[in-house]
Amino acid sequence: MQQEIMIERLKNRRTELGITQADAAKLIGVSQPAYQRYETGIRTPSIQVVKEMAKALNTSVDYLSGKSEQGSSEYIIINRNDSPLLFAVVSQCIELDDDALNRLNNYFSKLKP
């Protein structure tokens, strides 16, 4: 099964994240030429590829397919196997109160390059 996507939305999400087509392809698990064909509309991705696109670009399938205007995702999925350190950090944060989370967020914002 294939899923129609809005090409401009795919391009915009990638550029908003500041990643190249090669980076996006790697995150999605396709070759760079395959990704480029999706972005130019030459090729239509399968529903599984669209799901991977949405996950990699931190958005939703509904946004990429034009069913929603919400571009950024309202949630992030962190797989313990893919990112064990990030999973551990987030797991520890779940129990923190708002004050501690605000302090942690301020600290993290200072770490960004």
C-alpha atoms as a PDB file:
ATOM      1  CA  MET A   1       0.000   0.000   0.000  1.00  0.00           C
ATOM      2  CA  GLN A   2       1.262   3.454  -0.862  1.00  0.00           C
ATOM      3  CA  GLN A   3       0.589   6.725   0.919  1.00  0.00           C
ATOM      4  CA  GLU A   4       0.268  10.058  -0.812  1.00  0.00           C
ATOM      5  CA  ILE A   5       2.356  12.738   0.851  1.00  0.00           C
ATOM      6  CA  MET A   6       2.566  16.466   0.358  1.00  0.00           C
ATOM      7  CA  ILE A   7       6.039  17.006  -1.059  1.00  0.00           C
ATOM      8  CA  GLU A   8       6.401  20.575   0.234  1.00  0.00           C
ATOM      9  CA  ARG A   9       5.634  19.437   3.775  1.00  0.00           C
ATOM     10  CA  LEU A  10       8.287  16.732   3.547  1.00  0.00           C
ATOM     11  CA  LYS A  11      10.888  19.244   2.344  1.00  0.00           C
ATOM     12  CA  ASN A  12       9.860  21.853   4.913  1.00  0.00           C
ATOM     13  CA  ARG A  13      10.083  19.488   7.881  1.00  0.00           C
ATOM     14  CA  ARG A  14      13.532  18.320   6.784  1.00  0.00           C
ATOM     15  CA  THR A  15      14.837  21.862   6.352  1.00  0.00           C
ATOM     16  CA  GLU A  16      13.240  23.021   9.638  1.00  0.00           C
ATOM     17  CA  LEU A  17      15.275  20.325  11.368  1.00  0.00           C
ATOM     18  CA  GLY A  18      18.407  21.450   9.508  1.00  0.00           C
ATOM     19  CA  ILE A  19      19.196  18.057   8.030  1.00  0.00           C
ATOM     20  CA  THR A  20      20.274  17.089   4.537  1.00  0.00           C
ATOM     21  CA  GLN A  21      18.517  14.640   2.243  1.00  0.00           C
ATOM     22  CA  ALA A  22      21.272  12.149   3.043  1.00  0.00           C
ATOM     23  CA  ASP A  23      20.662  12.603   6.786  1.00  0.00           C
ATOM     24  CA  ALA A  24      16.915  12.140   6.328  1.00  0.00           C
ATOM     25  CA  ALA A  25      17.454   9.037   4.208  1.00  0.00           C
ATOM     26  CA  LYS A  26      19.669   7.503   6.877  1.00  0.00           C
ATOM     27  CA  LEU A  27      17.143   8.240   9.634  1.00  0.00           C
ATOM     28  CA  ILE A  28      14.334   6.731   7.568  1.00  0.00           C
ATOM     29  CA  GLY A  29      16.344   3.722   6.441  1.00  0.00           C
ATOM     30  CA  VAL A  30      16.330   4.317   2.682  1.00  0.00           C
ATOM     31  CA  SER A  31      19.022   5.292   0.218  1.00  0.00           C
ATOM     32  CA  GLN A  32      19.668   8.971  -0.471  1.00  0.00           C
ATOM     33  CA  PRO A  33      18.538   8.612  -4.124  1.00  0.00           C
ATOM     34  CA  ALA A  34      15.294   6.944  -2.976  1.00  0.00           C
ATOM     35  CA  TYR A  35      14.641   9.767  -0.513  1.00  0.00           C
ATOM     36  CA  GLN A  36      15.357  12.337  -3.210  1.00  0.00           C
ATOM     37  CA  ARG A  37      12.764  10.666  -5.466  1.00  0.00           C
ATOM     38  CA  TYR A  38      10.191  10.923  -2.654  1.00  0.00           C
ATOM     39  CA  GLU A  39      10.965  14.611  -2.163  1.00  0.00           C
ATOM     40  CA  THR A  40      10.657  15.362  -5.869  1.00  0.00           C
ATOM     41  CA  GLY A  41       7.481  13.338  -6.275  1.00  0.00           C
ATOM     42  CA  ILE A  42       8.995  10.876  -8.728  1.00  0.00           C
ATOM     43  CA  ARG A  43       8.279   8.019  -6.343  1.00  0.00           C
ATOM     44  CA  THR A  44       5.434   7.468  -3.852  1.00  0.00           C
ATOM     45  CA  PRO A  45       6.486   5.922  -0.526  1.00  0.00           C
ATOM     46  CA  SER A  46       4.789   2.928   1.035  1.00  0.00           C
ATOM     47  CA  ILE A  47       2.798   3.516   4.206  1.00  0.00           C
ATOM     48  CA  GLN A  48       5.658   1.964   6.206  1.00  0.00           C
ATOM     49  CA  VAL A  49       8.150   4.452   4.713  1.00  0.00           C
ATOM     50  CA  VAL A  50       5.770   7.337   5.445  1.00  0.00           C
ATOM     51  CA  LYS A  51       5.555   6.174   9.072  1.00  0.00           C
ATOM     52  CA  GLU A  52       9.360   6.142   9.240  1.00  0.00           C
ATOM     53  CA  MET A  53       9.468   9.607   7.630  1.00  0.00           C
ATOM     54  CA  ALA A  54       7.069  10.975  10.229  1.00  0.00           C
ATOM     55  CA  LYS A  55       9.073   9.435  13.060  1.00  0.00           C
ATOM     56  CA  ALA A  56      12.415  10.681  11.710  1.00  0.00           C
ATOM     57  CA  LEU A  57      11.091  14.193  11.027  1.00  0.00           C
ATOM     58  CA  ASN A  58       9.272  14.431  14.364  1.00  0.00           C
ATOM     59  CA  THR A  59       5.861  14.923  12.800  1.00  0.00           C
ATOM     60  CA  SER A  60       2.796  12.839  11.998  1.00  0.00           C
ATOM     61  CA  VAL A  61       1.638  10.806   9.028  1.00  0.00           C
ATOM     62  CA  ASP A  62      -1.476  13.012   8.997  1.00  0.00           C
ATOM     63  CA  TYR A  63       0.681  16.136   8.601  1.00  0.00           C
ATOM     64  CA  LEU A  64       2.759  14.648   5.796  1.00  0.00           C
ATOM     65  CA  SER A  65      -0.379  13.476   3.983  1.00  0.00           C
ATOM     66  CA  GLY A  66      -2.195  16.810   4.385  1.00  0.00           C
ATOM     67  CA  LYS A  67      -4.834  15.608   6.843  1.00  0.00           C
ATOM     68  CA  SER A  68      -3.530  17.812   9.669  1.00  0.00           C
ATOM     69  CA  GLU A  69      -2.041  21.286   9.927  1.00  0.00           C
ATOM     70  CA  GLN A  70      -0.037  20.354  13.058  1.00  0.00           C
ATOM     71  CA  GLY A  71       3.555  20.193  11.765  1.00  0.00           C
ATOM     72  CA  SER A  72       5.476  19.283  14.863  1.00  0.00           C
ATOM     73  CA  SER A  73       4.697  16.179  16.797  1.00  0.00           C
ATOM     74  CA  GLU A  74       2.970  16.373  20.138  1.00  0.00           C
ATOM     75  CA  TYR A  75       5.033  13.465  21.409  1.00  0.00           C
ATOM     76  CA  ILE A  76       8.392  11.796  20.958  1.00  0.00           C
ATOM     77  CA  ILE A  77       8.923   8.062  20.937  1.00  0.00           C
ATOM     78  CA  ILE A  78      12.218   6.937  22.428  1.00  0.00           C
ATOM     79  CA  ASN A  79      13.111   3.335  21.824  1.00  0.00           C
ATOM     80  CA  ARG A  80      15.290   1.845  24.560  1.00  0.00           C
ATOM     81  CA  ASN A  81      17.201  -0.243  21.995  1.00  0.00           C
ATOM     82  CA  ASP A  82      17.846   2.647  19.602  1.00  0.00           C
ATOM     83  CA  SER A  83      18.863   5.203  22.211  1.00  0.00           C
ATOM     84  CA  PRO A  84      19.497   3.613  25.618  1.00  0.00           C
ATOM     85  CA  LEU A  85      21.144   6.670  27.167  1.00  0.00           C
ATOM     86  CA  LEU A  86      18.371   9.071  26.153  1.00  0.00           C
ATOM     87  CA  PHE A  87      15.791   6.530  27.295  1.00  0.00           C
ATOM     88  CA  ALA A  88      17.489   6.339  30.704  1.00  0.00           C
ATOM     89  CA  VAL A  89      17.567  10.139  31.065  1.00  0.00           C
ATOM     90  CA  VAL A  90      13.899  10.533  30.148  1.00  0.00           C
ATOM     91  CA  SER A  91      12.938   7.652  32.443  1.00  0.00           C
ATOM     92  CA  GLN A  92      14.557   9.469  35.359  1.00  0.00           C
ATOM     93  CA  CYS A  93      12.796  12.734  34.471  1.00  0.00           C
ATOM     94  CA  ILE A  94       9.302  11.264  34.587  1.00  0.00           C
ATOM     95  CA  GLU A  95       9.200  11.417  38.389  1.00  0.00           C
ATOM     96  CA  LEU A  96      10.508  14.997  38.682  1.00  0.00           C
ATOM     97  CA  ASP A  97       8.269  17.876  39.754  1.00  0.00           C
ATOM     98  CA  ASP A  98       7.814  21.004  37.614  1.00  0.00           C
ATOM     99  CA  ASP A  99      10.473  22.994  39.481  1.00  0.00           C
ATOM    100  CA  ALA A 100      13.101  20.297  38.935  1.00  0.00           C
ATOM    101  CA  LEU A 101      12.084  19.933  35.282  1.00  0.00           C
ATOM    102  CA  ASN A 102      12.426  23.700  34.758  1.00  0.00           C
ATOM    103  CA  ARG A 103      15.909  23.687  36.297  1.00  0.00           C
ATOM    104  CA  LEU A 104      16.874  20.715  34.137  1.00  0.00           C
ATOM    105  CA  ASN A 105      15.483  22.394  31.017  1.00  0.00           C
ATOM    106  CA  ASN A 106      17.485  25.554  31.769  1.00  0.00           C
ATOM    107  CA  TYR A 107      20.612  23.461  32.217  1.00  0.00           C
ATOM    108  CA  PHE A 108      20.003  21.586  28.932  1.00  0.00           C
ATOM    109  CA  SER A 109      19.472  24.854  27.049  1.00  0.00           C
ATOM    110  CA  LYS A 110      22.980  25.930  28.110  1.00  0.00           C
ATOM    111  CA  LEU A 111      24.449  22.703  26.711  1.00  0.00           C
ATOM    112  CA  LYS A 112      23.199  23.314  23.180  1.00  0.00           C
ATOM    113  CA  PRO A 113      25.907  24.373  20.722  1.00  0.00           C
END
